[in-house]
N, C-alpha and C. Protein backbone atom coordinates (compact mmCIF):
# COMPACT_ATOMS: atom_id res chain seq x y z
N MET A 1 -1.30 -11.00 33.52
CA MET A 1 -0.79 -10.71 34.86
C MET A 1 -1.83 -11.15 35.88
N LYS A 2 -1.76 -12.41 36.28
CA LYS A 2 -2.72 -12.96 37.24
C LYS A 2 -2.00 -13.17 38.57
N ILE A 3 -2.41 -12.38 39.57
CA ILE A 3 -1.65 -12.27 40.81
C ILE A 3 -2.50 -12.62 42.03
N VAL A 4 -1.90 -13.33 42.98
CA VAL A 4 -2.49 -13.52 44.30
C VAL A 4 -1.62 -12.75 45.30
N MET A 5 -2.25 -11.93 46.15
CA MET A 5 -1.52 -11.20 47.19
C MET A 5 -1.51 -12.00 48.49
N LEU A 6 -0.33 -12.13 49.08
CA LEU A 6 -0.19 -12.81 50.36
C LEU A 6 0.44 -11.85 51.37
N GLY A 7 0.22 -12.12 52.65
CA GLY A 7 0.78 -11.27 53.70
C GLY A 7 -0.14 -11.26 54.89
N ALA A 8 0.44 -11.06 56.05
CA ALA A 8 -0.33 -11.06 57.30
C ALA A 8 -1.27 -9.86 57.35
N PRO A 9 -2.31 -9.91 58.22
CA PRO A 9 -3.16 -8.73 58.41
C PRO A 9 -2.30 -7.54 58.84
N GLY A 10 -2.47 -6.42 58.18
CA GLY A 10 -1.69 -5.24 58.54
C GLY A 10 -0.35 -5.12 57.83
N ALA A 11 -0.04 -6.09 56.95
CA ALA A 11 1.24 -6.04 56.23
C ALA A 11 1.23 -5.00 55.11
N GLY A 12 0.03 -4.56 54.73
CA GLY A 12 -0.08 -3.54 53.68
C GLY A 12 -0.35 -4.11 52.30
N LYS A 13 -0.77 -5.38 52.24
CA LYS A 13 -0.97 -5.99 50.92
C LYS A 13 -2.15 -5.37 50.17
N GLY A 14 -3.18 -4.92 50.90
CA GLY A 14 -4.32 -4.28 50.25
C GLY A 14 -3.92 -2.97 49.58
N THR A 15 -3.09 -2.19 50.26
CA THR A 15 -2.58 -0.93 49.70
C THR A 15 -1.77 -1.20 48.44
N GLN A 16 -0.88 -2.20 48.51
CA GLN A 16 -0.05 -2.54 47.35
C GLN A 16 -0.91 -3.06 46.19
N ALA A 17 -1.94 -3.85 46.52
CA ALA A 17 -2.83 -4.38 45.48
C ALA A 17 -3.52 -3.23 44.72
N LYS A 18 -3.95 -2.21 45.46
CA LYS A 18 -4.60 -1.05 44.82
C LYS A 18 -3.62 -0.31 43.92
N MET A 19 -2.37 -0.18 44.37
CA MET A 19 -1.35 0.52 43.57
C MET A 19 -1.03 -0.27 42.29
N ILE A 20 -0.95 -1.60 42.41
CA ILE A 20 -0.70 -2.45 41.23
C ILE A 20 -1.87 -2.29 40.24
N ALA A 21 -3.09 -2.35 40.77
CA ALA A 21 -4.29 -2.24 39.93
C ALA A 21 -4.28 -0.92 39.16
N ALA A 22 -3.91 0.17 39.84
CA ALA A 22 -3.91 1.48 39.20
C ALA A 22 -2.83 1.58 38.12
N LYS A 23 -1.65 1.08 38.41
CA LYS A 23 -0.53 1.21 37.46
C LYS A 23 -0.72 0.33 36.22
N TYR A 24 -1.20 -0.92 36.45
CA TYR A 24 -1.27 -1.87 35.34
C TYR A 24 -2.68 -2.05 34.77
N GLN A 25 -3.62 -1.26 35.28
CA GLN A 25 -5.00 -1.27 34.74
C GLN A 25 -5.63 -2.66 34.75
N VAL A 26 -5.49 -3.34 35.88
CA VAL A 26 -6.17 -4.62 36.08
C VAL A 26 -7.00 -4.50 37.36
N PRO A 27 -8.11 -5.25 37.46
CA PRO A 27 -8.97 -5.09 38.64
C PRO A 27 -8.38 -5.69 39.91
N HIS A 28 -8.61 -5.00 41.02
CA HIS A 28 -8.24 -5.47 42.36
C HIS A 28 -9.49 -6.15 42.92
N ILE A 29 -9.41 -7.46 43.15
CA ILE A 29 -10.60 -8.23 43.50
C ILE A 29 -10.42 -8.83 44.89
N SER A 30 -11.34 -8.47 45.81
CA SER A 30 -11.32 -9.09 47.13
C SER A 30 -12.56 -9.97 47.26
N SER A 31 -12.39 -11.09 47.97
CA SER A 31 -13.52 -12.02 48.11
C SER A 31 -14.68 -11.34 48.82
N GLY A 32 -14.38 -10.46 49.79
CA GLY A 32 -15.45 -9.75 50.50
C GLY A 32 -16.28 -8.90 49.56
N ASP A 33 -15.60 -8.20 48.64
CA ASP A 33 -16.31 -7.37 47.65
C ASP A 33 -17.21 -8.23 46.76
N ILE A 34 -16.69 -9.41 46.38
CA ILE A 34 -17.47 -10.31 45.51
C ILE A 34 -18.73 -10.78 46.23
N PHE A 35 -18.57 -11.18 47.50
CA PHE A 35 -19.74 -11.61 48.28
C PHE A 35 -20.78 -10.50 48.33
N ARG A 36 -20.33 -9.30 48.71
CA ARG A 36 -21.26 -8.17 48.87
C ARG A 36 -21.99 -7.84 47.57
N ALA A 37 -21.24 -7.85 46.45
CA ALA A 37 -21.85 -7.51 45.15
C ALA A 37 -22.90 -8.54 44.74
N ASN A 38 -22.59 -9.83 44.93
CA ASN A 38 -23.53 -10.88 44.53
C ASN A 38 -24.77 -10.88 45.42
N ILE A 39 -24.58 -10.62 46.71
CA ILE A 39 -25.73 -10.56 47.62
C ILE A 39 -26.61 -9.36 47.27
N LYS A 40 -25.97 -8.22 47.03
CA LYS A 40 -26.71 -7.00 46.68
C LYS A 40 -27.50 -7.18 45.39
N ASN A 41 -26.89 -7.87 44.41
CA ASN A 41 -27.54 -8.04 43.11
C ASN A 41 -28.48 -9.25 43.08
N GLY A 42 -28.55 -10.00 44.20
CA GLY A 42 -29.49 -11.11 44.30
C GLY A 42 -29.21 -12.25 43.34
N THR A 43 -27.92 -12.49 43.00
CA THR A 43 -27.60 -13.60 42.09
C THR A 43 -27.81 -14.93 42.83
N GLU A 44 -27.89 -16.02 42.03
CA GLU A 44 -28.07 -17.34 42.64
C GLU A 44 -26.92 -17.67 43.59
N LEU A 45 -25.68 -17.39 43.14
CA LEU A 45 -24.52 -17.65 43.99
C LEU A 45 -24.58 -16.77 45.24
N GLY A 46 -25.01 -15.52 45.06
CA GLY A 46 -25.14 -14.60 46.20
C GLY A 46 -26.14 -15.09 47.22
N LYS A 47 -27.27 -15.62 46.74
CA LYS A 47 -28.29 -16.15 47.65
C LYS A 47 -27.74 -17.31 48.47
N LYS A 48 -26.97 -18.18 47.78
CA LYS A 48 -26.38 -19.33 48.49
C LYS A 48 -25.39 -18.86 49.55
N ALA A 49 -24.55 -17.89 49.17
CA ALA A 49 -23.55 -17.37 50.12
C ALA A 49 -24.24 -16.72 51.32
N LYS A 50 -25.33 -16.00 51.06
CA LYS A 50 -26.05 -15.29 52.13
C LYS A 50 -26.62 -16.26 53.17
N GLU A 51 -27.05 -17.42 52.70
CA GLU A 51 -27.60 -18.43 53.63
C GLU A 51 -26.57 -18.79 54.70
N TYR A 52 -25.34 -18.98 54.27
CA TYR A 52 -24.27 -19.32 55.22
C TYR A 52 -23.93 -18.12 56.11
N MET A 53 -23.79 -16.95 55.49
CA MET A 53 -23.36 -15.77 56.23
C MET A 53 -24.41 -15.35 57.27
N ASP A 54 -25.69 -15.52 56.93
CA ASP A 54 -26.76 -15.16 57.88
C ASP A 54 -26.73 -16.04 59.13
N GLN A 55 -26.15 -17.25 58.99
CA GLN A 55 -26.05 -18.16 60.14
C GLN A 55 -24.71 -18.00 60.86
N GLY A 56 -23.90 -17.03 60.38
CA GLY A 56 -22.59 -16.82 60.99
C GLY A 56 -21.58 -17.88 60.59
N LEU A 57 -21.87 -18.59 59.50
CA LEU A 57 -20.97 -19.66 59.04
C LEU A 57 -20.07 -19.15 57.92
N LEU A 58 -18.90 -19.80 57.77
CA LEU A 58 -18.02 -19.47 56.65
C LEU A 58 -18.63 -20.01 55.36
N VAL A 59 -18.50 -19.27 54.29
CA VAL A 59 -18.97 -19.74 52.99
C VAL A 59 -18.05 -20.88 52.55
N PRO A 60 -18.61 -22.05 52.17
CA PRO A 60 -17.76 -23.20 51.81
C PRO A 60 -16.80 -22.86 50.65
N ASP A 61 -15.66 -23.56 50.64
CA ASP A 61 -14.62 -23.27 49.65
C ASP A 61 -15.11 -23.37 48.21
N ASP A 62 -15.89 -24.43 47.90
CA ASP A 62 -16.30 -24.61 46.50
C ASP A 62 -17.22 -23.48 46.04
N LEU A 63 -18.08 -22.99 46.94
CA LEU A 63 -18.97 -21.88 46.59
C LEU A 63 -18.17 -20.58 46.45
N THR A 64 -17.21 -20.38 47.34
CA THR A 64 -16.36 -19.19 47.25
C THR A 64 -15.60 -19.18 45.93
N VAL A 65 -15.05 -20.33 45.55
CA VAL A 65 -14.30 -20.43 44.29
C VAL A 65 -15.24 -20.18 43.10
N ASP A 66 -16.47 -20.71 43.17
CA ASP A 66 -17.45 -20.44 42.09
C ASP A 66 -17.68 -18.94 41.93
N LEU A 67 -17.81 -18.24 43.05
CA LEU A 67 -18.02 -16.79 43.02
C LEU A 67 -16.80 -16.08 42.42
N VAL A 68 -15.60 -16.52 42.82
CA VAL A 68 -14.36 -15.90 42.32
C VAL A 68 -14.21 -16.15 40.82
N ILE A 69 -14.40 -17.40 40.40
CA ILE A 69 -14.25 -17.74 38.97
C ILE A 69 -15.26 -16.97 38.12
N ASP A 70 -16.49 -16.84 38.64
CA ASP A 70 -17.50 -16.05 37.94
C ASP A 70 -17.00 -14.61 37.76
N ARG A 71 -16.42 -14.03 38.81
CA ARG A 71 -15.90 -12.65 38.72
C ARG A 71 -14.74 -12.55 37.72
N LEU A 72 -13.91 -13.60 37.65
CA LEU A 72 -12.75 -13.57 36.75
C LEU A 72 -13.15 -13.68 35.28
N SER A 73 -14.42 -14.05 35.04
CA SER A 73 -14.89 -14.17 33.65
C SER A 73 -15.33 -12.83 33.08
N TRP A 74 -15.36 -11.78 33.91
CA TRP A 74 -15.79 -10.46 33.43
C TRP A 74 -14.77 -9.90 32.45
N GLU A 75 -15.25 -9.01 31.60
CA GLU A 75 -14.43 -8.41 30.55
C GLU A 75 -13.20 -7.68 31.12
N ASP A 76 -13.35 -7.04 32.30
CA ASP A 76 -12.23 -6.26 32.83
C ASP A 76 -11.06 -7.11 33.30
N CYS A 77 -11.25 -8.45 33.33
CA CYS A 77 -10.18 -9.35 33.78
C CYS A 77 -9.38 -9.94 32.62
N LYS A 78 -9.68 -9.50 31.39
CA LYS A 78 -9.05 -10.16 30.24
C LYS A 78 -7.52 -9.98 30.22
N ASN A 79 -7.03 -8.88 30.82
CA ASN A 79 -5.58 -8.65 30.86
C ASN A 79 -4.96 -9.03 32.21
N GLY A 80 -5.77 -9.62 33.08
CA GLY A 80 -5.26 -10.03 34.37
C GLY A 80 -6.08 -9.48 35.53
N TYR A 81 -5.63 -9.78 36.75
CA TYR A 81 -6.35 -9.38 37.96
C TYR A 81 -5.44 -9.60 39.16
N ILE A 82 -5.85 -8.99 40.28
CA ILE A 82 -5.15 -9.18 41.55
C ILE A 82 -6.15 -9.70 42.56
N LEU A 83 -5.92 -10.90 43.07
CA LEU A 83 -6.78 -11.48 44.10
C LEU A 83 -6.23 -11.12 45.47
N ASP A 84 -7.08 -10.55 46.32
CA ASP A 84 -6.65 -10.08 47.64
C ASP A 84 -7.59 -10.67 48.69
N GLY A 85 -7.05 -11.45 49.62
CA GLY A 85 -7.89 -12.05 50.66
C GLY A 85 -8.42 -13.42 50.27
N PHE A 86 -8.02 -13.91 49.13
CA PHE A 86 -8.41 -15.24 48.66
C PHE A 86 -7.34 -15.71 47.67
N PRO A 87 -6.91 -16.97 47.73
CA PRO A 87 -7.27 -17.99 48.73
C PRO A 87 -6.61 -17.73 50.08
N ARG A 88 -7.26 -18.28 51.13
CA ARG A 88 -6.72 -18.14 52.50
C ARG A 88 -6.14 -19.45 53.03
N THR A 89 -6.50 -20.55 52.40
CA THR A 89 -6.06 -21.87 52.88
C THR A 89 -5.59 -22.72 51.70
N ILE A 90 -4.86 -23.80 52.01
CA ILE A 90 -4.39 -24.72 50.96
C ILE A 90 -5.57 -25.33 50.18
N PRO A 91 -6.62 -25.84 50.86
CA PRO A 91 -7.76 -26.38 50.09
C PRO A 91 -8.35 -25.36 49.12
N GLN A 92 -8.48 -24.08 49.55
CA GLN A 92 -8.99 -23.05 48.65
C GLN A 92 -8.06 -22.86 47.46
N ALA A 93 -6.75 -22.86 47.71
CA ALA A 93 -5.77 -22.67 46.64
C ALA A 93 -5.85 -23.80 45.63
N LYS A 94 -5.99 -25.01 46.12
CA LYS A 94 -6.07 -26.18 45.22
C LYS A 94 -7.36 -26.14 44.39
N THR A 95 -8.46 -25.76 45.04
CA THR A 95 -9.75 -25.67 44.32
C THR A 95 -9.67 -24.58 43.26
N LEU A 96 -9.04 -23.45 43.60
CA LEU A 96 -8.88 -22.35 42.65
C LEU A 96 -8.01 -22.79 41.46
N ASP A 97 -6.89 -23.45 41.74
CA ASP A 97 -6.00 -23.93 40.66
C ASP A 97 -6.75 -24.86 39.70
N ALA A 98 -7.53 -25.77 40.28
CA ALA A 98 -8.28 -26.73 39.46
C ALA A 98 -9.31 -26.00 38.59
N ALA A 99 -9.99 -25.02 39.16
CA ALA A 99 -11.00 -24.26 38.42
C ALA A 99 -10.35 -23.44 37.30
N LEU A 100 -9.19 -22.85 37.58
CA LEU A 100 -8.48 -22.08 36.55
C LEU A 100 -8.00 -22.99 35.42
N GLU A 101 -7.53 -24.17 35.82
CA GLU A 101 -7.03 -25.13 34.81
C GLU A 101 -8.14 -25.51 33.82
N LYS A 102 -9.37 -25.63 34.34
CA LYS A 102 -10.52 -25.98 33.49
C LYS A 102 -10.75 -24.95 32.41
N ILE A 103 -10.41 -23.67 32.69
CA ILE A 103 -10.62 -22.62 31.69
C ILE A 103 -9.29 -22.23 31.01
N GLY A 104 -8.29 -23.11 31.18
CA GLY A 104 -7.02 -22.92 30.47
C GLY A 104 -6.17 -21.79 31.01
N GLU A 105 -6.32 -21.49 32.32
CA GLU A 105 -5.54 -20.40 32.91
C GLU A 105 -4.75 -20.90 34.12
N ARG A 106 -3.75 -20.10 34.52
CA ARG A 106 -3.03 -20.37 35.76
C ARG A 106 -2.52 -19.03 36.31
N LEU A 107 -2.21 -19.03 37.59
CA LEU A 107 -1.69 -17.82 38.22
C LEU A 107 -0.26 -17.56 37.76
N ASP A 108 0.11 -16.28 37.64
CA ASP A 108 1.48 -15.91 37.24
C ASP A 108 2.37 -15.64 38.44
N PHE A 109 1.81 -14.97 39.47
CA PHE A 109 2.60 -14.59 40.64
C PHE A 109 1.80 -14.74 41.92
N ALA A 110 2.47 -15.18 42.98
CA ALA A 110 1.96 -15.05 44.34
C ALA A 110 2.92 -14.09 45.04
N LEU A 111 2.45 -12.89 45.33
CA LEU A 111 3.30 -11.84 45.91
C LEU A 111 3.11 -11.79 47.42
N ASP A 112 4.19 -12.05 48.16
CA ASP A 112 4.14 -12.05 49.62
C ASP A 112 4.75 -10.76 50.16
N VAL A 113 3.92 -9.95 50.82
CA VAL A 113 4.41 -8.73 51.48
C VAL A 113 4.80 -9.15 52.90
N ASP A 114 6.11 -9.30 53.11
CA ASP A 114 6.64 -9.92 54.33
C ASP A 114 6.95 -8.87 55.40
N VAL A 115 6.26 -8.98 56.55
CA VAL A 115 6.48 -8.07 57.67
C VAL A 115 6.49 -8.89 58.97
N PRO A 116 7.52 -8.75 59.82
CA PRO A 116 7.56 -9.49 61.09
C PRO A 116 6.37 -9.13 61.99
N ASP A 117 5.94 -10.09 62.81
CA ASP A 117 4.77 -9.89 63.67
C ASP A 117 4.90 -8.65 64.55
N GLU A 118 6.10 -8.44 65.15
CA GLU A 118 6.23 -7.31 66.08
C GLU A 118 6.01 -5.97 65.38
N ASN A 119 6.44 -5.89 64.11
CA ASN A 119 6.20 -4.66 63.33
C ASN A 119 4.70 -4.44 63.11
N ILE A 120 4.00 -5.55 62.84
CA ILE A 120 2.56 -5.45 62.56
C ILE A 120 1.80 -5.01 63.81
N VAL A 121 2.16 -5.57 64.97
CA VAL A 121 1.48 -5.19 66.21
C VAL A 121 1.69 -3.69 66.46
N THR A 122 2.93 -3.21 66.29
CA THR A 122 3.22 -1.79 66.48
C THR A 122 2.44 -0.94 65.48
N ARG A 123 2.45 -1.40 64.23
CA ARG A 123 1.80 -0.65 63.15
C ARG A 123 0.30 -0.53 63.39
N MET A 124 -0.34 -1.66 63.73
CA MET A 124 -1.80 -1.67 63.85
C MET A 124 -2.28 -1.03 65.15
N SER A 125 -1.52 -1.22 66.23
CA SER A 125 -1.96 -0.64 67.51
C SER A 125 -1.78 0.87 67.53
N GLY A 126 -1.04 1.41 66.55
CA GLY A 126 -0.88 2.85 66.43
C GLY A 126 -1.95 3.50 65.56
N ARG A 127 -2.80 2.68 64.95
CA ARG A 127 -3.87 3.24 64.10
C ARG A 127 -4.93 3.92 64.94
N ARG A 128 -5.50 4.99 64.40
CA ARG A 128 -6.64 5.64 65.04
C ARG A 128 -7.68 5.92 63.96
N ALA A 129 -8.93 5.65 64.28
CA ALA A 129 -10.02 5.84 63.32
C ALA A 129 -11.02 6.86 63.85
N CYS A 130 -11.56 7.65 62.94
CA CYS A 130 -12.56 8.65 63.32
C CYS A 130 -13.92 7.99 63.48
N VAL A 131 -14.58 8.27 64.61
CA VAL A 131 -15.91 7.68 64.84
C VAL A 131 -16.96 8.31 63.93
N GLY A 132 -16.64 9.49 63.40
CA GLY A 132 -17.61 10.18 62.54
C GLY A 132 -17.52 9.79 61.09
N CYS A 133 -16.38 10.14 60.45
CA CYS A 133 -16.28 9.93 58.99
C CYS A 133 -15.47 8.71 58.59
N GLY A 134 -14.82 8.04 59.57
CA GLY A 134 -14.07 6.83 59.25
C GLY A 134 -12.65 7.08 58.77
N ALA A 135 -12.21 8.35 58.71
CA ALA A 135 -10.83 8.65 58.29
C ALA A 135 -9.86 7.95 59.24
N THR A 136 -8.70 7.51 58.71
CA THR A 136 -7.74 6.79 59.55
C THR A 136 -6.42 7.56 59.64
N TYR A 137 -5.80 7.42 60.80
CA TYR A 137 -4.53 8.07 61.10
C TYR A 137 -3.61 7.05 61.76
N HIS A 138 -2.36 7.45 62.01
CA HIS A 138 -1.43 6.63 62.78
C HIS A 138 -0.64 7.55 63.68
N ILE A 139 -0.53 7.18 64.97
CA ILE A 139 0.09 8.09 65.94
C ILE A 139 1.56 8.37 65.63
N VAL A 140 2.22 7.46 64.87
CA VAL A 140 3.63 7.67 64.51
C VAL A 140 3.77 8.15 63.07
N TYR A 141 3.14 7.39 62.13
CA TYR A 141 3.39 7.61 60.70
C TYR A 141 2.50 8.68 60.07
N ASN A 142 1.30 8.86 60.62
CA ASN A 142 0.36 9.81 60.01
C ASN A 142 -0.56 10.39 61.09
N PRO A 143 0.01 11.12 62.06
CA PRO A 143 -0.83 11.62 63.16
C PRO A 143 -1.74 12.76 62.71
N SER A 144 -2.87 12.87 63.39
CA SER A 144 -3.74 14.03 63.16
C SER A 144 -3.06 15.27 63.73
N LYS A 145 -3.13 16.36 62.99
CA LYS A 145 -2.54 17.62 63.47
C LYS A 145 -3.34 18.17 64.66
N LYS A 146 -4.52 17.56 64.90
CA LYS A 146 -5.36 18.04 66.02
C LYS A 146 -5.36 17.04 67.18
N GLY A 147 -4.29 16.25 67.29
CA GLY A 147 -4.19 15.29 68.40
C GLY A 147 -5.15 14.13 68.23
N ASP A 148 -6.10 13.97 69.17
CA ASP A 148 -7.06 12.86 69.07
C ASP A 148 -8.38 13.29 68.44
N ILE A 149 -8.31 14.37 67.64
CA ILE A 149 -9.50 14.87 66.92
C ILE A 149 -9.25 14.75 65.41
N CYS A 150 -10.28 14.34 64.66
CA CYS A 150 -10.17 14.17 63.21
C CYS A 150 -10.00 15.52 62.51
N GLU A 151 -9.04 15.57 61.59
CA GLU A 151 -8.82 16.80 60.82
C GLU A 151 -9.95 17.05 59.83
N VAL A 152 -10.61 15.97 59.40
CA VAL A 152 -11.63 16.08 58.35
C VAL A 152 -12.94 16.62 58.90
N CYS A 153 -13.44 15.97 59.98
CA CYS A 153 -14.79 16.33 60.45
C CYS A 153 -14.82 16.81 61.90
N GLY A 154 -13.68 16.76 62.61
CA GLY A 154 -13.65 17.26 63.97
C GLY A 154 -14.18 16.32 65.03
N ASP A 155 -14.46 15.06 64.63
CA ASP A 155 -14.97 14.08 65.60
C ASP A 155 -13.80 13.40 66.32
N GLN A 156 -14.14 12.52 67.25
CA GLN A 156 -13.15 11.85 68.10
C GLN A 156 -12.42 10.73 67.34
N LEU A 157 -11.11 10.56 67.62
CA LEU A 157 -10.36 9.43 67.07
C LEU A 157 -10.25 8.35 68.14
N ILE A 158 -10.42 7.09 67.72
CA ILE A 158 -10.37 5.97 68.69
C ILE A 158 -9.45 4.86 68.16
N LEU A 159 -9.01 4.00 69.10
CA LEU A 159 -8.33 2.75 68.75
C LEU A 159 -9.41 1.69 68.61
N ARG A 160 -9.60 1.18 67.39
CA ARG A 160 -10.66 0.19 67.18
C ARG A 160 -10.29 -1.14 67.85
N ASP A 161 -11.32 -1.90 68.24
CA ASP A 161 -11.08 -3.21 68.86
C ASP A 161 -10.20 -4.09 67.99
N ASP A 162 -10.43 -4.03 66.67
CA ASP A 162 -9.66 -4.82 65.70
C ASP A 162 -8.17 -4.55 65.77
N ASP A 163 -7.82 -3.33 66.18
CA ASP A 163 -6.42 -2.90 66.16
C ASP A 163 -5.73 -2.99 67.52
N LYS A 164 -6.46 -3.44 68.54
CA LYS A 164 -5.84 -3.59 69.86
C LYS A 164 -4.81 -4.73 69.81
N PRO A 165 -3.67 -4.57 70.53
CA PRO A 165 -2.58 -5.57 70.42
C PRO A 165 -3.03 -7.01 70.61
N GLU A 166 -3.91 -7.26 71.60
CA GLU A 166 -4.33 -8.65 71.85
C GLU A 166 -5.15 -9.21 70.69
N THR A 167 -5.96 -8.35 70.05
CA THR A 167 -6.75 -8.79 68.89
C THR A 167 -5.84 -9.05 67.69
N VAL A 168 -4.88 -8.17 67.50
CA VAL A 168 -3.93 -8.33 66.39
C VAL A 168 -3.16 -9.64 66.54
N GLN A 169 -2.73 -9.95 67.77
CA GLN A 169 -1.99 -11.20 68.01
C GLN A 169 -2.85 -12.41 67.65
N LYS A 170 -4.14 -12.36 68.00
CA LYS A 170 -5.05 -13.47 67.66
C LYS A 170 -5.17 -13.62 66.14
N ARG A 171 -5.32 -12.48 65.45
CA ARG A 171 -5.45 -12.53 63.98
C ARG A 171 -4.18 -13.07 63.34
N LEU A 172 -3.03 -12.71 63.92
CA LEU A 172 -1.75 -13.21 63.40
C LEU A 172 -1.62 -14.71 63.62
N SER A 173 -2.11 -15.21 64.76
CA SER A 173 -2.06 -16.65 65.04
C SER A 173 -2.87 -17.42 64.01
N VAL A 174 -4.07 -16.89 63.70
CA VAL A 174 -4.92 -17.54 62.68
C VAL A 174 -4.21 -17.52 61.32
N TYR A 175 -3.59 -16.39 61.00
CA TYR A 175 -2.88 -16.26 59.73
C TYR A 175 -1.76 -17.30 59.63
N HIS A 176 -0.94 -17.41 60.68
CA HIS A 176 0.20 -18.35 60.64
C HIS A 176 -0.26 -19.80 60.51
N GLU A 177 -1.40 -20.08 61.14
CA GLU A 177 -1.90 -21.46 61.12
C GLU A 177 -2.53 -21.80 59.77
N GLN A 178 -3.36 -20.88 59.25
CA GLN A 178 -4.17 -21.21 58.07
C GLN A 178 -3.56 -20.75 56.75
N THR A 179 -3.03 -19.53 56.76
CA THR A 179 -2.68 -18.89 55.48
C THR A 179 -1.20 -18.98 55.14
N GLN A 180 -0.33 -18.97 56.16
CA GLN A 180 1.10 -19.00 55.86
C GLN A 180 1.53 -20.24 55.07
N PRO A 181 0.89 -21.41 55.28
CA PRO A 181 1.26 -22.58 54.46
C PRO A 181 1.17 -22.32 52.95
N LEU A 182 0.36 -21.32 52.54
CA LEU A 182 0.26 -20.98 51.11
C LEU A 182 1.61 -20.53 50.55
N ILE A 183 2.46 -19.97 51.41
CA ILE A 183 3.77 -19.50 50.95
C ILE A 183 4.58 -20.67 50.40
N ASP A 184 4.58 -21.78 51.16
CA ASP A 184 5.28 -22.99 50.68
C ASP A 184 4.59 -23.56 49.44
N TYR A 185 3.26 -23.53 49.46
CA TYR A 185 2.48 -24.09 48.33
C TYR A 185 2.85 -23.39 47.02
N TYR A 186 2.87 -22.05 47.05
CA TYR A 186 3.18 -21.31 45.82
C TYR A 186 4.68 -21.32 45.51
N ALA A 187 5.51 -21.45 46.54
CA ALA A 187 6.96 -21.58 46.30
C ALA A 187 7.23 -22.87 45.53
N ASP A 188 6.53 -23.94 45.89
CA ASP A 188 6.69 -25.23 45.18
C ASP A 188 6.27 -25.13 43.72
N GLN A 189 5.34 -24.20 43.42
CA GLN A 189 4.91 -24.00 42.04
C GLN A 189 5.86 -23.08 41.27
N GLY A 190 6.77 -22.45 42.01
CA GLY A 190 7.74 -21.56 41.36
C GLY A 190 7.21 -20.17 41.04
N ILE A 191 6.08 -19.78 41.67
CA ILE A 191 5.51 -18.45 41.35
C ILE A 191 5.56 -17.48 42.53
N LEU A 192 6.12 -17.93 43.67
CA LEU A 192 6.17 -17.06 44.85
C LEU A 192 7.28 -16.02 44.72
N LYS A 193 6.94 -14.76 45.00
CA LYS A 193 7.92 -13.68 45.07
C LYS A 193 7.66 -12.91 46.36
N SER A 194 8.71 -12.67 47.16
CA SER A 194 8.56 -11.95 48.43
C SER A 194 9.19 -10.58 48.35
N VAL A 195 8.55 -9.61 49.01
CA VAL A 195 9.13 -8.27 49.12
C VAL A 195 9.15 -7.88 50.60
N ASP A 196 10.10 -7.04 50.98
CA ASP A 196 10.24 -6.58 52.36
C ASP A 196 9.20 -5.49 52.62
N GLY A 197 8.15 -5.86 53.37
CA GLY A 197 7.05 -4.94 53.62
C GLY A 197 7.31 -3.95 54.74
N THR A 198 8.52 -4.00 55.35
CA THR A 198 8.81 -3.04 56.43
C THR A 198 9.27 -1.70 55.88
N ARG A 199 9.59 -1.66 54.60
CA ARG A 199 10.10 -0.42 54.01
C ARG A 199 8.96 0.55 53.68
N ASP A 200 9.34 1.74 53.24
CA ASP A 200 8.36 2.75 52.84
C ASP A 200 7.44 2.16 51.76
N MET A 201 6.17 2.55 51.83
CA MET A 201 5.14 2.04 50.91
C MET A 201 5.58 2.14 49.44
N ASN A 202 6.19 3.26 49.06
CA ASN A 202 6.60 3.44 47.66
C ASN A 202 7.79 2.57 47.29
N ASP A 203 8.67 2.31 48.27
CA ASP A 203 9.80 1.40 48.02
C ASP A 203 9.31 -0.03 47.83
N VAL A 204 8.31 -0.41 48.64
CA VAL A 204 7.71 -1.75 48.49
C VAL A 204 7.11 -1.89 47.10
N PHE A 205 6.40 -0.85 46.67
CA PHE A 205 5.76 -0.90 45.36
C PHE A 205 6.81 -0.96 44.23
N ALA A 206 7.90 -0.23 44.39
CA ALA A 206 8.98 -0.26 43.38
C ALA A 206 9.55 -1.68 43.26
N ALA A 207 9.70 -2.36 44.41
CA ALA A 207 10.20 -3.75 44.40
C ALA A 207 9.23 -4.67 43.69
N ILE A 208 7.91 -4.46 43.92
CA ILE A 208 6.88 -5.28 43.25
C ILE A 208 6.90 -5.02 41.75
N ALA A 209 6.97 -3.75 41.36
CA ALA A 209 6.99 -3.40 39.93
C ALA A 209 8.19 -4.05 39.23
N ALA A 210 9.35 -4.08 39.91
CA ALA A 210 10.55 -4.70 39.34
C ALA A 210 10.33 -6.19 39.10
N ILE A 211 9.61 -6.84 40.02
CA ILE A 211 9.30 -8.28 39.86
C ILE A 211 8.36 -8.49 38.68
N LEU A 212 7.31 -7.68 38.61
CA LEU A 212 6.29 -7.86 37.55
C LEU A 212 6.83 -7.54 36.17
N GLU A 213 7.83 -6.66 36.10
CA GLU A 213 8.34 -6.23 34.80
C GLU A 213 9.64 -6.92 34.41
N ALA A 214 10.11 -7.84 35.25
CA ALA A 214 11.39 -8.52 34.98
C ALA A 214 11.29 -9.40 33.74
């Protein structure tokens, strides 16, 4: 069960990836986590990635793929994995496919959690985060019982810059330009499956489970 998660920022693909990982006992792997782990452990690949990141540059595709492929060689990936946040572009997807082919593997599913932009803007601009402990709420779906105060630690809840409507729109523009073409790319390979991400989180997961177990 080798899966790539697709979907716009705020579509809920990270939440679904964690639920898939828990149910099917396969690791949920994000490129950010891989970078952080390699840098923390001082690996050769980590040192190379850090050079770019320290300059505020994007880590080149071939180095990112090397880091991902290295992670996929771990024992916990023998029954599959879920890639979240990578690949983000067609060149990354092609480099990943070529690297997997070298080790006799290929992806089984590209799962697209499909949510219209207007839903995402509403969803994300309603988020509130605690400045103290980092707990998150939503003014519609999961409000704090204490208004704009965190239930956990009693600190203030704020709308993060990342979640402001204008920032969300910018992130969505980047997604449509760079990442959405992956939907056609994986559709051409016959591995794309889409689910309606506007539904309840558990209904979305039930739809994904039905696809994986078909």
